[in-house]
Amino acid sequence: MNDLDAIAKLVQALLPWRAHLVFIGGWAHRLHRFDPRAHKPEYQPIFTRDTDLAFANRAPIEGDIKEALIRHGFMEQLRGEHRPPVAHYTLGDEDGGFYAEFLTPLNGSGIKRSGVSDATMKMAGISAQKIRHLDILLVAPWLITLGPEYGIPLSSTIDIQVANPLCFMVQKFLIQKDRSPTKRAQDLLYIYDTIELFGDLLTEFHESWKDTISPVLGKKLSDNILSLSENTFSGVNDMIRTAAQIPQNRKLAPEQVQKTCQLAFDIIFDR
């Protein structure tokens, strides 16, 4: 299935809940390209089958998201031993098709008082996974307009919430220690590509970091991000070399990735 057809079906299904849901992950990065301030690169974005949607769990969401997804052709696939189980909402072939999953912030230890894992929850008919460090992706989301003029088969334009690009990059540092080497390298490529998309907004990102994002994180996490960003891009290393080798449709030098990111974060964090 054409992935733009699939994202259109997902957006249509979730239309009543668009004020509560934020597109995050790889599809957020792809959707960033539709922002009018983004540079329009010639290369294709990193491919991803899954669409991650995040929501805050502090207030209930009304209605039945699962029923709406099924009505638009999605199937619920349950897996794992958690209660409720982890769920993928698939469109097309289960092993090769498009799917959506829902995520919400994990607060606390991840273990309930009863001793069982606090890894999932039910909300509005769907099963969502609880993920640590997800909160930052819900801060100051951007509105992105999708519609037929952008190649997405919708009957009219629709505004959706997408993770703020700076929050998208910051979260990559927060989760770095929990990621496999392959995923860390992919995250670095996402960071580099985001800087390429929004290189003209680095001063704006600095203001956003200073006035909004850092205060939400608090001093300890903010200092941790400053340290991680500096250490990650202080010089060319194996992780950067691996990141530069990921794209198959362009030649990317490790030195270019390292220097671009180092200079960008010097501006963003005013180092």
C-alpha atoms as a PDB file:
ATOM      1  CA  MET A   1       0.000   0.000   0.000  1.00  0.00           C
ATOM      2  CA  ASN A   2       1.158   3.523  -0.816  1.00  0.00           C
ATOM      3  CA  ASP A   3       2.234   5.023   2.506  1.00  0.00           C
ATOM      4  CA  LEU A   4       0.657   8.410   1.734  1.00  0.00           C
ATOM      5  CA  ASP A   5      -2.663   6.625   1.169  1.00  0.00           C
ATOM      6  CA  ALA A   6      -2.155   4.904   4.513  1.00  0.00           C
ATOM      7  CA  ILE A   7      -1.348   8.098   6.415  1.00  0.00           C
ATOM      8  CA  ALA A   8      -4.436   9.715   4.880  1.00  0.00           C
ATOM      9  CA  LYS A   9      -6.624   6.867   6.178  1.00  0.00           C
ATOM     10  CA  LEU A  10      -5.048   7.192   9.617  1.00  0.00           C
ATOM     11  CA  VAL A  11      -5.552  10.970   9.736  1.00  0.00           C
ATOM     12  CA  GLN A  12      -9.189  10.582   8.673  1.00  0.00           C
ATOM     13  CA  ALA A  13      -9.825   7.906  11.310  1.00  0.00           C
ATOM     14  CA  LEU A  14      -8.296  10.027  14.075  1.00  0.00           C
ATOM     15  CA  LEU A  15      -9.848  13.338  13.061  1.00  0.00           C
ATOM     16  CA  PRO A  16     -12.106  13.639  16.176  1.00  0.00           C
ATOM     17  CA  TRP A  17      -9.074  13.193  18.449  1.00  0.00           C
ATOM     18  CA  ARG A  18      -6.485  15.333  16.652  1.00  0.00           C
ATOM     19  CA  ALA A  19      -6.383  17.826  19.548  1.00  0.00           C
ATOM     20  CA  HIS A  20      -5.227  15.038  21.875  1.00  0.00           C
ATOM     21  CA  LEU A  21      -2.786  13.133  19.650  1.00  0.00           C
ATOM     22  CA  VAL A  22       0.732  14.092  18.563  1.00  0.00           C
ATOM     23  CA  PHE A  23       2.569  12.334  15.743  1.00  0.00           C
ATOM     24  CA  ILE A  24       6.031  11.359  16.962  1.00  0.00           C
ATOM     25  CA  GLY A  25       8.818   9.029  15.799  1.00  0.00           C
ATOM     26  CA  GLY A  26       9.889   8.510  12.202  1.00  0.00           C
ATOM     27  CA  TRP A  27       6.623   9.700  10.699  1.00  0.00           C
ATOM     28  CA  ALA A  28       6.869  12.963  12.648  1.00  0.00           C
ATOM     29  CA  HIS A  29      10.211  13.533  10.959  1.00  0.00           C
ATOM     30  CA  ARG A  30       8.659  12.829   7.588  1.00  0.00           C
ATOM     31  CA  LEU A  31       5.711  15.118   8.284  1.00  0.00           C
ATOM     32  CA  HIS A  32       8.117  17.915   9.239  1.00  0.00           C
ATOM     33  CA  ARG A  33       8.859  18.219   5.510  1.00  0.00           C
ATOM     34  CA  PHE A  34       5.358  19.617   4.973  1.00  0.00           C
ATOM     35  CA  ASP A  35       6.065  22.632   7.178  1.00  0.00           C
ATOM     36  CA  PRO A  36       6.533  25.678   4.911  1.00  0.00           C
ATOM     37  CA  ARG A  37       9.704  26.669   6.785  1.00  0.00           C
ATOM     38  CA  ALA A  38      11.445  23.363   6.017  1.00  0.00           C
ATOM     39  CA  HIS A  39      14.075  23.060   3.320  1.00  0.00           C
ATOM     40  CA  LYS A  40      12.961  20.629   0.619  1.00  0.00           C
ATOM     41  CA  PRO A  41      15.729  18.019   0.353  1.00  0.00           C
ATOM     42  CA  GLU A  42      16.066  15.968  -2.824  1.00  0.00           C
ATOM     43  CA  TYR A  43      16.685  12.732  -0.934  1.00  0.00           C
ATOM     44  CA  GLN A  44      13.940  10.531   0.481  1.00  0.00           C
ATOM     45  CA  PRO A  45      13.314  10.419   4.253  1.00  0.00           C
ATOM     46  CA  ILE A  46      14.219   7.391   6.349  1.00  0.00           C
ATOM     47  CA  PHE A  47      11.598   4.732   5.678  1.00  0.00           C
ATOM     48  CA  THR A  48       9.440   3.535   8.540  1.00  0.00           C
ATOM     49  CA  ARG A  49       6.368   1.278   8.545  1.00  0.00           C
ATOM     50  CA  ASP A  50       5.073   2.344  11.923  1.00  0.00           C
ATOM     51  CA  THR A  51       3.385   5.567  12.944  1.00  0.00           C
ATOM     52  CA  ASP A  52       3.710   6.463  16.615  1.00  0.00           C
ATOM     53  CA  LEU A  53       1.059   8.661  18.208  1.00  0.00           C
ATOM     54  CA  ALA A  54       1.482  10.070  21.709  1.00  0.00           C
ATOM     55  CA  PHE A  55      -1.063  11.425  24.145  1.00  0.00           C
ATOM     56  CA  ALA A  56      -1.000  12.725  27.712  1.00  0.00           C
ATOM     57  CA  ASN A  57      -2.704  10.358  30.132  1.00  0.00           C
ATOM     58  CA  ARG A  58      -3.633  12.933  32.765  1.00  0.00           C
ATOM     59  CA  ALA A  59      -7.180  13.393  31.446  1.00  0.00           C
ATOM     60  CA  PRO A  60      -9.511  10.867  29.821  1.00  0.00           C
ATOM     61  CA  ILE A  61     -10.033  10.911  26.055  1.00  0.00           C
ATOM     62  CA  GLU A  62     -13.661  10.375  25.106  1.00  0.00           C
ATOM     63  CA  GLY A  63     -14.982   8.138  22.332  1.00  0.00           C
ATOM     64  CA  ASP A  64     -13.746   4.923  20.726  1.00  0.00           C
ATOM     65  CA  ILE A  65     -10.553   5.298  18.701  1.00  0.00           C
ATOM     66  CA  LYS A  66     -10.334   1.553  18.062  1.00  0.00           C
ATOM     67  CA  GLU A  67     -13.784   1.474  16.462  1.00  0.00           C
ATOM     68  CA  ALA A  68     -12.890   4.444  14.232  1.00  0.00           C
ATOM     69  CA  LEU A  69      -9.668   2.746  13.098  1.00  0.00           C
ATOM     70  CA  ILE A  70     -11.498  -0.488  12.272  1.00  0.00           C
ATOM     71  CA  ARG A  71     -14.101   1.477  10.312  1.00  0.00           C
ATOM     72  CA  HIS A  72     -11.245   2.876   8.166  1.00  0.00           C
ATOM     73  CA  GLY A  73      -9.767  -0.545   7.425  1.00  0.00           C
ATOM     74  CA  PHE A  74      -7.313  -1.050  10.315  1.00  0.00           C
ATOM     75  CA  MET A  75      -7.069  -4.302  12.275  1.00  0.00           C
ATOM     76  CA  GLU A  76      -5.994  -4.594  15.910  1.00  0.00           C
ATOM     77  CA  GLN A  77      -3.051  -6.971  16.448  1.00  0.00           C
ATOM     78  CA  LEU A  78      -2.387  -7.809  20.108  1.00  0.00           C
ATOM     79  CA  ARG A  79       0.890  -9.241  21.373  1.00  0.00           C
ATOM     80  CA  GLY A  80       2.864  -9.800  24.559  1.00  0.00           C
ATOM     81  CA  GLU A  81       1.910 -10.669  28.109  1.00  0.00           C
ATOM     82  CA  HIS A  82       1.120  -7.200  29.429  1.00  0.00           C
ATOM     83  CA  ARG A  83      -2.416  -6.365  30.515  1.00  0.00           C
ATOM     84  CA  PRO A  84      -3.716  -4.813  28.375  1.00  0.00           C
ATOM     85  CA  PRO A  85      -1.529  -6.328  25.632  1.00  0.00           C
ATOM     86  CA  VAL A  86       0.658  -4.215  23.355  1.00  0.00           C
ATOM     87  CA  ALA A  87      -1.375  -3.343  20.255  1.00  0.00           C
ATOM     88  CA  HIS A  88      -0.526  -2.534  16.639  1.00  0.00           C
ATOM     89  CA  TYR A  89      -3.287  -1.165  14.431  1.00  0.00           C
ATOM     90  CA  THR A  90      -2.375  -2.498  11.004  1.00  0.00           C
ATOM     91  CA  LEU A  91      -3.389  -1.581   7.484  1.00  0.00           C
ATOM     92  CA  GLY A  92      -2.466  -4.094   4.812  1.00  0.00           C
ATOM     93  CA  ASP A  93      -0.239  -7.118   5.297  1.00  0.00           C
ATOM     94  CA  GLU A  94       0.687  -7.584   8.963  1.00  0.00           C
ATOM     95  CA  ASP A  95       4.368  -8.286   8.206  1.00  0.00           C
ATOM     96  CA  GLY A  96       4.883  -5.719   5.464  1.00  0.00           C
ATOM     97  CA  GLY A  97       2.102  -3.197   5.808  1.00  0.00           C
ATOM     98  CA  PHE A  98       1.579   0.103   7.561  1.00  0.00           C
ATOM     99  CA  TYR A  99       0.665   0.206  11.246  1.00  0.00           C
ATOM    100  CA  ALA A 100      -0.006   2.690  14.024  1.00  0.00           C
ATOM    101  CA  GLU A 101       0.690   2.361  17.720  1.00  0.00           C
ATOM    102  CA  PHE A 102      -0.200   4.608  20.614  1.00  0.00           C
ATOM    103  CA  LEU A 103       2.200   5.729  23.335  1.00  0.00           C
ATOM    104  CA  THR A 104       1.812   7.649  26.569  1.00  0.00           C
ATOM    105  CA  PRO A 105       4.336   8.822  29.189  1.00  0.00           C
ATOM    106  CA  LEU A 106       5.568   6.421  31.853  1.00  0.00           C
ATOM    107  CA  ASN A 107       5.833   8.053  35.263  1.00  0.00           C
ATOM    108  CA  GLY A 108       7.379   6.383  38.285  1.00  0.00           C
ATOM    109  CA  SER A 109       9.191   3.071  38.512  1.00  0.00           C
ATOM    110  CA  GLY A 110       7.233   1.168  35.863  1.00  0.00           C
ATOM    111  CA  ILE A 111       6.002  -1.310  38.478  1.00  0.00           C
ATOM    112  CA  LYS A 112       2.534  -1.121  40.039  1.00  0.00           C
ATOM    113  CA  ARG A 113       1.980  -1.543  43.779  1.00  0.00           C
ATOM    114  CA  SER A 114       0.755  -5.072  43.071  1.00  0.00           C
ATOM    115  CA  GLY A 115       4.189  -5.895  41.653  1.00  0.00           C
ATOM    116  CA  VAL A 116       3.103  -6.247  38.016  1.00  0.00           C
ATOM    117  CA  SER A 117       4.590  -4.242  35.180  1.00  0.00           C
ATOM    118  CA  ASP A 118       3.039  -0.828  34.517  1.00  0.00           C
ATOM    119  CA  ALA A 119       3.784  -0.945  30.784  1.00  0.00           C
ATOM    120  CA  THR A 120       0.428  -0.410  29.060  1.00  0.00           C
ATOM    121  CA  MET A 121      -2.947   1.222  29.557  1.00  0.00           C
ATOM    122  CA  LYS A 122      -6.400   1.407  27.972  1.00  0.00           C
ATOM    123  CA  MET A 123      -7.766   4.710  26.718  1.00  0.00           C
ATOM    124  CA  ALA A 124     -10.649   5.422  24.327  1.00  0.00           C
ATOM    125  CA  GLY A 125     -10.809   1.789  23.264  1.00  0.00           C
ATOM    126  CA  ILE A 126      -7.155   1.439  22.285  1.00  0.00           C
ATOM    127  CA  SER A 127      -4.181  -0.112  24.077  1.00  0.00           C
ATOM    128  CA  ALA A 128      -1.209   2.233  24.554  1.00  0.00           C
ATOM    129  CA  GLN A 129       2.344   1.538  25.686  1.00  0.00           C
ATOM    130  CA  LYS A 130       3.849   3.605  28.490  1.00  0.00           C
ATOM    131  CA  ILE A 131       7.253   4.997  27.552  1.00  0.00           C
ATOM    132  CA  ARG A 132       9.759   6.912  29.665  1.00  0.00           C
ATOM    133  CA  HIS A 133      10.923  10.346  28.419  1.00  0.00           C
ATOM    134  CA  LEU A 134       7.880  10.651  26.173  1.00  0.00           C
ATOM    135  CA  ASP A 135       6.623  13.790  27.962  1.00  0.00           C
ATOM    136  CA  ILE A 136       9.010  16.056  26.093  1.00  0.00           C
ATOM    137  CA  LEU A 137       7.441  15.095  22.750  1.00  0.00           C
ATOM    138  CA  LEU A 138       4.129  16.547  23.936  1.00  0.00           C
ATOM    139  CA  VAL A 139       5.652  19.985  24.626  1.00  0.00           C
ATOM    140  CA  ALA A 140       4.804  22.782  22.162  1.00  0.00           C
ATOM    141  CA  PRO A 141       3.835  20.523  19.222  1.00  0.00           C
ATOM    142  CA  TRP A 142       3.688  22.056  15.764  1.00  0.00           C
ATOM    143  CA  LEU A 143       0.591  22.161  13.583  1.00  0.00           C
ATOM    144  CA  ILE A 144       1.283  20.674  10.160  1.00  0.00           C
ATOM    145  CA  THR A 145      -1.213  21.020   7.321  1.00  0.00           C
ATOM    146  CA  LEU A 146      -1.839  17.948   5.154  1.00  0.00           C
ATOM    147  CA  GLY A 147      -3.977  17.780   2.043  1.00  0.00           C
ATOM    148  CA  PRO A 148      -4.258  16.889  -1.634  1.00  0.00           C
ATOM    149  CA  GLU A 149      -1.944  19.705  -2.717  1.00  0.00           C
ATOM    150  CA  TYR A 150       0.831  17.950  -0.766  1.00  0.00           C
ATOM    151  CA  GLY A 151       0.205  14.597  -2.438  1.00  0.00           C
ATOM    152  CA  ILE A 152      -1.855  13.194   0.425  1.00  0.00           C
ATOM    153  CA  PRO A 153      -5.260  11.914  -0.744  1.00  0.00           C
ATOM    154  CA  LEU A 154      -7.539  13.827   1.619  1.00  0.00           C
ATOM    155  CA  SER A 155     -10.729  15.549   0.471  1.00  0.00           C
ATOM    156  CA  SER A 156      -9.596  18.790   2.136  1.00  0.00           C
ATOM    157  CA  THR A 157      -6.687  20.120   4.175  1.00  0.00           C
ATOM    158  CA  ILE A 158      -6.388  18.940   7.777  1.00  0.00           C
ATOM    159  CA  ASP A 159      -4.142  20.306  10.533  1.00  0.00           C
ATOM    160  CA  ILE A 160      -2.492  17.688  12.737  1.00  0.00           C
ATOM    161  CA  GLN A 161      -0.154  17.948  15.731  1.00  0.00           C
ATOM    162  CA  VAL A 162       3.424  16.821  15.136  1.00  0.00           C
ATOM    163  CA  ALA A 163       6.276  16.715  17.635  1.00  0.00           C
ATOM    164  CA  ASN A 164       8.235  19.966  17.824  1.00  0.00           C
ATOM    165  CA  PRO A 165      11.475  19.309  15.833  1.00  0.00           C
ATOM    166  CA  LEU A 166      13.668  20.500  18.711  1.00  0.00           C
ATOM    167  CA  CYS A 167      11.810  18.267  21.182  1.00  0.00           C
ATOM    168  CA  PHE A 168      12.190  15.453  18.642  1.00  0.00           C
ATOM    169  CA  MET A 169      15.988  15.907  18.721  1.00  0.00           C
ATOM    170  CA  VAL A 170      16.212  16.442  22.478  1.00  0.00           C
ATOM    171  CA  GLN A 171      14.348  13.204  23.150  1.00  0.00           C
ATOM    172  CA  LYS A 172      16.958  11.306  21.124  1.00  0.00           C
ATOM    173  CA  PHE A 173      19.551  12.314  23.718  1.00  0.00           C
ATOM    174  CA  LEU A 174      17.278  11.394  26.633  1.00  0.00           C
ATOM    175  CA  ILE A 175      16.797   7.825  25.377  1.00  0.00           C
ATOM    176  CA  GLN A 176      20.324   7.320  24.039  1.00  0.00           C
ATOM    177  CA  LYS A 177      21.550   5.010  26.808  1.00  0.00           C
ATOM    178  CA  ASP A 178      18.563   2.685  26.359  1.00  0.00           C
ATOM    179  CA  ARG A 179      18.988   2.254  22.603  1.00  0.00           C
ATOM    180  CA  SER A 180      20.887  -0.429  20.722  1.00  0.00           C
ATOM    181  CA  PRO A 181      23.954   0.708  18.739  1.00  0.00           C
ATOM    182  CA  THR A 182      21.977   0.415  15.480  1.00  0.00           C
ATOM    183  CA  LYS A 183      19.115   2.532  16.834  1.00  0.00           C
ATOM    184  CA  ARG A 184      21.528   5.115  18.263  1.00  0.00           C
ATOM    185  CA  ALA A 185      23.103   5.553  14.846  1.00  0.00           C
ATOM    186  CA  GLN A 186      19.674   5.934  13.235  1.00  0.00           C
ATOM    187  CA  ASP A 187      18.757   8.518  15.871  1.00  0.00           C
ATOM    188  CA  LEU A 188      21.877  10.513  14.978  1.00  0.00           C
ATOM    189  CA  LEU A 189      20.838  10.480  11.338  1.00  0.00           C
ATOM    190  CA  TYR A 190      17.385  11.739  12.348  1.00  0.00           C
ATOM    191  CA  ILE A 191      19.062  14.563  14.287  1.00  0.00           C
ATOM    192  CA  TYR A 192      21.296  15.506  11.364  1.00  0.00           C
ATOM    193  CA  ASP A 193      18.417  15.423   8.887  1.00  0.00           C
ATOM    194  CA  THR A 194      16.246  17.552  11.196  1.00  0.00           C
ATOM    195  CA  ILE A 195      19.001  20.167  11.355  1.00  0.00           C
ATOM    196  CA  GLU A 196      19.195  20.095   7.558  1.00  0.00           C
ATOM    197  CA  LEU A 197      15.431  20.659   7.344  1.00  0.00           C
ATOM    198  CA  PHE A 198      15.367  23.567   9.783  1.00  0.00           C
ATOM    199  CA  GLY A 199      18.838  25.070   9.606  1.00  0.00           C
ATOM    200  CA  ASP A 200      17.321  28.554   9.229  1.00  0.00           C
ATOM    201  CA  LEU A 201      15.493  28.195  12.558  1.00  0.00           C
ATOM    202  CA  LEU A 202      18.439  27.550  14.877  1.00  0.00           C
ATOM    203  CA  THR A 203      18.100  30.929  16.597  1.00  0.00           C
ATOM    204  CA  GLU A 204      14.366  30.278  17.038  1.00  0.00           C
ATOM    205  CA  PHE A 205      15.219  26.847  18.450  1.00  0.00           C
ATOM    206  CA  HIS A 206      17.560  28.532  20.933  1.00  0.00           C
ATOM    207  CA  GLU A 207      14.740  30.762  22.172  1.00  0.00           C
ATOM    208  CA  SER A 208      12.414  27.766  22.390  1.00  0.00           C
ATOM    209  CA  TRP A 209      15.017  25.822  24.378  1.00  0.00           C
ATOM    210  CA  LYS A 210      15.624  28.685  26.775  1.00  0.00           C
ATOM    211  CA  ASP A 211      12.000  29.778  27.295  1.00  0.00           C
ATOM    212  CA  THR A 212       9.987  26.566  26.980  1.00  0.00           C
ATOM    213  CA  ILE A 213      11.789  23.250  26.699  1.00  0.00           C
ATOM    214  CA  SER A 214      14.555  23.563  29.283  1.00  0.00           C
ATOM    215  CA  PRO A 215      12.157  24.853  31.987  1.00  0.00           C
ATOM    216  CA  VAL A 216       9.892  21.844  31.386  1.00  0.00           C
ATOM    217  CA  LEU A 217      12.817  19.426  31.663  1.00  0.00           C
ATOM    218  CA  GLY A 218      14.346  21.020  34.747  1.00  0.00           C
ATOM    219  CA  LYS A 219      18.008  21.722  35.430  1.00  0.00           C
ATOM    220  CA  LYS A 220      19.185  18.127  35.899  1.00  0.00           C
ATOM    221  CA  LEU A 221      17.838  16.800  32.598  1.00  0.00           C
ATOM    222  CA  SER A 222      18.747  20.005  30.751  1.00  0.00           C
ATOM    223  CA  ASP A 223      22.351  19.750  31.942  1.00  0.00           C
ATOM    224  CA  ASN A 224      22.375  16.082  30.926  1.00  0.00           C
ATOM    225  CA  ILE A 225      21.256  16.964  27.411  1.00  0.00           C
ATOM    226  CA  LEU A 226      23.904  19.673  27.098  1.00  0.00           C
ATOM    227  CA  SER A 227      26.559  17.167  28.124  1.00  0.00           C
ATOM    228  CA  LEU A 228      25.278  14.379  25.857  1.00  0.00           C
ATOM    229  CA  SER A 229      24.979  16.644  22.819  1.00  0.00           C
ATOM    230  CA  GLU A 230      28.503  17.927  23.341  1.00  0.00           C
ATOM    231  CA  ASN A 231      30.018  14.479  23.874  1.00  0.00           C
ATOM    232  CA  THR A 232      28.109  12.888  20.998  1.00  0.00           C
ATOM    233  CA  PHE A 233      29.365  15.402  18.428  1.00  0.00           C
ATOM    234  CA  SER A 234      32.737  16.429  19.860  1.00  0.00           C
ATOM    235  CA  GLY A 235      34.463  14.452  17.116  1.00  0.00           C
ATOM    236  CA  VAL A 236      33.899  11.753  14.523  1.00  0.00           C
ATOM    237  CA  ASN A 237      33.220   8.419  16.230  1.00  0.00           C
ATOM    238  CA  ASP A 238      31.936   4.968  15.279  1.00  0.00           C
ATOM    239  CA  MET A 239      28.322   5.889  15.943  1.00  0.00           C
ATOM    240  CA  ILE A 240      28.554   8.868  13.576  1.00  0.00           C
ATOM    241  CA  ARG A 241      30.307   6.741  10.951  1.00  0.00           C
ATOM    242  CA  THR A 242      27.503   4.184  11.128  1.00  0.00           C
ATOM    243  CA  ALA A 243      24.878   6.939  10.884  1.00  0.00           C
ATOM    244  CA  ALA A 244      26.533   8.312   7.741  1.00  0.00           C
ATOM    245  CA  GLN A 245      26.411   4.870   6.111  1.00  0.00           C
ATOM    246  CA  ILE A 246      22.650   4.366   6.635  1.00  0.00           C
ATOM    247  CA  PRO A 247      21.273   6.387   3.674  1.00  0.00           C
ATOM    248  CA  GLN A 248      21.358   4.449   0.415  1.00  0.00           C
ATOM    249  CA  ASN A 249      20.254   7.363  -1.759  1.00  0.00           C
ATOM    250  CA  ARG A 250      22.985   9.899  -0.946  1.00  0.00           C
ATOM    251  CA  LYS A 251      26.654  10.165  -0.052  1.00  0.00           C
ATOM    252  CA  LEU A 252      27.107  11.436   3.483  1.00  0.00           C
ATOM    253  CA  ALA A 253      30.512  12.063   5.054  1.00  0.00           C
ATOM    254  CA  PRO A 254      30.861  11.380   8.804  1.00  0.00           C
ATOM    255  CA  GLU A 255      32.765  14.654   9.163  1.00  0.00           C
ATOM    256  CA  GLN A 256      29.813  16.522   7.651  1.00  0.00           C
ATOM    257  CA  VAL A 257      27.383  14.940  10.127  1.00  0.00           C
ATOM    258  CA  GLN A 258      29.643  15.658  13.097  1.00  0.00           C
ATOM    259  CA  LYS A 259      30.485  19.254  12.259  1.00  0.00           C
ATOM    260  CA  THR A 260      26.936  20.223  11.210  1.00  0.00           C
ATOM    261  CA  CYS A 261      25.426  18.882  14.426  1.00  0.00           C
ATOM    262  CA  GLN A 262      28.166  20.321  16.624  1.00  0.00           C
ATOM    263  CA  LEU A 263      27.747  23.812  15.196  1.00  0.00           C
ATOM    264  CA  ALA A 264      23.946  23.619  15.310  1.00  0.00           C
ATOM    265  CA  PHE A 265      23.832  22.649  18.974  1.00  0.00           C
ATOM    266  CA  ASP A 266      26.398  25.328  19.811  1.00  0.00           C
ATOM    267  CA  ILE A 267      23.803  27.816  18.551  1.00  0.00           C
ATOM    268  CA  ILE A 268      20.751  26.099  20.049  1.00  0.00           C
ATOM    269  CA  PHE A 269      22.312  25.730  23.491  1.00  0.00           C
ATOM    270  CA  ASP A 270      24.367  28.969  23.296  1.00  0.00           C
ATOM    271  CA  ARG A 271      27.665  27.272  24.103  1.00  0.00           C
END
